[in-house]
Each structure stands twice: as C-alpha cells, then as structure tokens.
Protein backbone atom coordinates (compact mmCIF):
# COMPACT_ATOMS: atom_id res chain seq x y z
CA MET A 1 -50.33 -81.75 -52.78
CA THR A 2 -50.57 -84.11 -49.67
CA THR A 3 -48.42 -83.44 -46.71
CA ASN A 4 -46.81 -86.95 -46.94
CA SER A 5 -45.35 -86.08 -50.83
CA THR A 6 -43.91 -82.68 -49.28
CA PRO A 7 -40.26 -83.12 -47.86
CA PHE A 8 -39.68 -83.29 -44.47
CA ALA A 9 -37.58 -80.23 -44.09
CA LEU A 10 -40.22 -78.32 -45.88
CA ARG A 11 -42.84 -79.23 -43.44
CA LEU A 12 -40.41 -78.67 -40.61
CA GLU A 13 -39.81 -74.97 -41.66
CA TRP A 14 -43.65 -74.56 -42.02
CA ALA A 15 -44.25 -75.55 -38.53
CA ARG A 16 -41.37 -73.55 -37.24
CA SER A 17 -42.80 -70.41 -39.41
CA ARG A 18 -45.87 -71.32 -37.68
CA PHE A 19 -44.45 -71.35 -34.07
CA ASP A 20 -42.35 -68.27 -34.83
CA ASP A 21 -45.39 -66.32 -35.91
CA GLY A 22 -47.12 -67.37 -32.44
CA ASP A 23 -49.76 -69.56 -34.36
CA PHE A 24 -49.30 -72.24 -31.83
CA SER A 25 -52.17 -74.48 -32.90
CA ALA A 26 -51.22 -74.64 -36.24
CA ALA A 27 -47.60 -75.41 -35.03
CA VAL A 28 -48.92 -78.16 -32.94
CA ALA A 29 -50.92 -80.08 -35.76
CA LEU A 30 -47.82 -79.87 -38.03
CA LEU A 31 -45.24 -80.85 -35.29
CA ARG A 32 -47.44 -83.47 -34.30
CA GLU A 33 -47.45 -85.34 -37.40
CA LEU A 34 -43.78 -84.72 -37.99
CA VAL A 35 -42.82 -86.06 -34.65
CA GLU A 36 -45.22 -89.18 -35.53
CA GLU A 37 -43.41 -89.98 -38.77
CA SER A 38 -40.08 -89.43 -37.35
CA GLU A 39 -41.03 -91.58 -34.32
CA SER A 40 -42.45 -94.42 -36.87
CA GLU A 41 -39.49 -94.67 -39.04
CA THR A 42 -35.51 -94.58 -38.63
CA SER A 43 -35.51 -90.76 -39.30
CA GLU A 44 -32.30 -88.79 -40.42
CA HIS A 45 -34.02 -85.86 -40.07
CA LEU A 46 -32.88 -84.84 -36.31
CA HIS A 47 -30.41 -86.38 -33.99
CA GLY A 48 -33.73 -88.18 -32.91
CA THR A 49 -36.87 -86.77 -32.11
CA ALA A 50 -35.79 -84.89 -28.82
CA ASP A 51 -35.84 -81.39 -30.62
CA LEU A 52 -39.11 -81.93 -32.47
CA ARG A 53 -41.01 -83.10 -29.25
CA LEU A 54 -39.47 -80.00 -26.99
CA MET A 55 -40.73 -77.66 -29.94
CA LEU A 56 -44.10 -79.56 -29.87
CA ALA A 57 -44.22 -79.12 -26.00
CA ARG A 58 -43.33 -75.12 -26.31
CA ALA A 59 -46.34 -75.30 -28.72
CA TYR A 60 -49.02 -76.94 -26.68
CA PHE A 61 -47.74 -74.55 -23.84
CA GLY A 62 -48.21 -71.73 -26.23
CA SER A 63 -51.53 -72.89 -27.20
CA ALA A 64 -52.59 -73.90 -23.46
CA GLN A 65 -52.71 -77.45 -23.86
CA LEU A 66 -51.21 -77.73 -20.83
CA GLY A 67 -51.88 -81.13 -20.21
CA ARG A 68 -50.35 -82.50 -23.30
CA ALA A 69 -47.32 -80.32 -22.66
CA GLU A 70 -46.87 -81.62 -19.20
CA THR A 71 -47.26 -85.30 -20.49
CA LEU A 72 -44.52 -84.84 -23.23
CA LEU A 73 -42.27 -82.38 -20.89
CA ARG A 74 -42.28 -85.52 -18.01
CA ALA A 75 -41.11 -87.92 -20.98
CA LEU A 76 -38.33 -85.66 -22.16
CA ALA A 77 -37.31 -84.71 -18.55
CA GLU A 78 -37.22 -88.58 -17.64
CA GLU A 79 -35.00 -88.97 -21.00
CA SER A 80 -32.65 -85.80 -20.47
CA PRO A 81 -32.61 -85.25 -16.41
CA ASP A 82 -30.06 -82.80 -16.86
CA ASP A 83 -31.89 -80.81 -19.33
CA GLY A 84 -32.51 -77.65 -17.25
CA TYR A 85 -34.86 -76.13 -20.08
CA VAL A 86 -36.93 -79.00 -20.09
CA HIS A 87 -37.50 -78.65 -16.04
CA LEU A 88 -37.89 -74.94 -16.68
CA LEU A 89 -40.78 -75.53 -19.35
CA LEU A 90 -42.18 -78.32 -16.92
CA GLY A 91 -42.18 -75.74 -14.05
CA ARG A 92 -43.73 -73.11 -15.88
CA THR A 93 -46.78 -75.39 -17.26
CA LEU A 94 -47.23 -76.89 -13.53
CA GLN A 95 -47.32 -72.94 -12.49
CA ARG A 96 -49.86 -72.18 -15.23
CA GLN A 97 -52.16 -75.15 -14.21
CA ARG A 98 -51.76 -73.52 -10.63
CA ARG A 99 -49.70 -76.55 -9.25
CA TYR A 100 -47.18 -74.41 -7.68
CA THR A 101 -46.12 -77.25 -5.04
CA ASP A 102 -45.26 -79.44 -8.26
CA ALA A 103 -43.28 -76.91 -10.11
CA GLN A 104 -41.16 -75.89 -7.12
CA ARG A 105 -39.12 -79.03 -7.74
CA HIS A 106 -38.61 -78.55 -11.70
CA LEU A 107 -37.81 -74.83 -11.39
CA ALA A 108 -35.34 -75.75 -8.47
CA LEU A 109 -33.91 -78.42 -10.71
CA ALA A 110 -33.85 -75.60 -13.56
CA GLU A 111 -32.20 -73.04 -11.39
CA VAL A 112 -29.19 -75.75 -10.51
CA LEU A 113 -28.62 -76.72 -14.05
CA GLY A 114 -28.32 -72.94 -14.75
CA ASP A 115 -31.34 -72.40 -16.98
CA TYR A 116 -33.43 -70.47 -14.59
CA GLU A 117 -32.88 -67.98 -11.94
CA ARG A 118 -35.64 -67.42 -9.20
CA PRO A 119 -36.99 -64.18 -9.30
CA ALA A 120 -36.59 -61.83 -6.19
CA ALA A 121 -40.02 -61.27 -6.03
CA TYR A 122 -40.70 -64.83 -5.44
CA GLY A 123 -39.07 -64.65 -1.99
CA GLY A 124 -36.99 -67.32 -0.54
CA VAL A 125 -33.11 -67.97 -1.08
CA SER A 126 -32.18 -68.69 -4.39
CA VAL A 127 -30.62 -72.29 -4.81
CA ALA A 128 -27.61 -70.50 -6.38
CA THR A 129 -26.63 -68.41 -3.46
CA ARG A 130 -27.01 -71.31 -0.80
C-alpha cells in the first residue's frame, strides 16, 4: 500500500502517534508529506495548513532541526502575529540555537499574549507585572 492511496486522516493519525511517542524524525517525514499535499490542493482536511505546519514545526524542534523549525515558525508568526504559542516556540527555538537576544522579543510577545510566564530565575521584570 503506497502512502498516496492511504487516506489523509489515517496518515495524520499515524504522524500524530509518532509525534506523541517522541519519534520526532518519523513524525517530520510524515507531516512534511501531509503539509505538501495539503498546500498543493484545496484541502478540506483541516482549517488550512496552520495546524499541520505548527505540528511540523514542533516535530522539527523535537528532532533538533532548529533551522527548519525557525523558518516555519517565522512564517507562522507572520501569518498569525497574535498567536502566543507560535512566539513561545520560536523564542525557545532561538534559545536552543544560543541566539538569546533574538529570542527575547518572541518570548516577550508570548508573555504579553498570555502563553508564557518568564521564570523568576531568569531575572528581570516580568512584562505582566510592569
């Protein structure tokens, strides 16, 4: 049975199970194919590709493909600038690349949007308490 003959929903469930099991490399391969397929056709599978692309970015992050995660997350942040979780994940991705200054803006946005609270150990004043 080839991948193209397998129903989209079944392949998505398989990708999610790989992701949930922590097999991020396998999830990346499956999700990348699903994203490409969804973007190439007028897909009814999801409300667009944002959910799939976010899961793909998370899989990139989990498998330490940080450059790919950053590229995808920057596109998602541009499309949905009010999505705090996207900014949080982008900030964390930049931190893992030791780009702390670049990460600060996105982590601050995530905090303002309510999806992140700066740990006290990081020092400084929390945006929420200013």
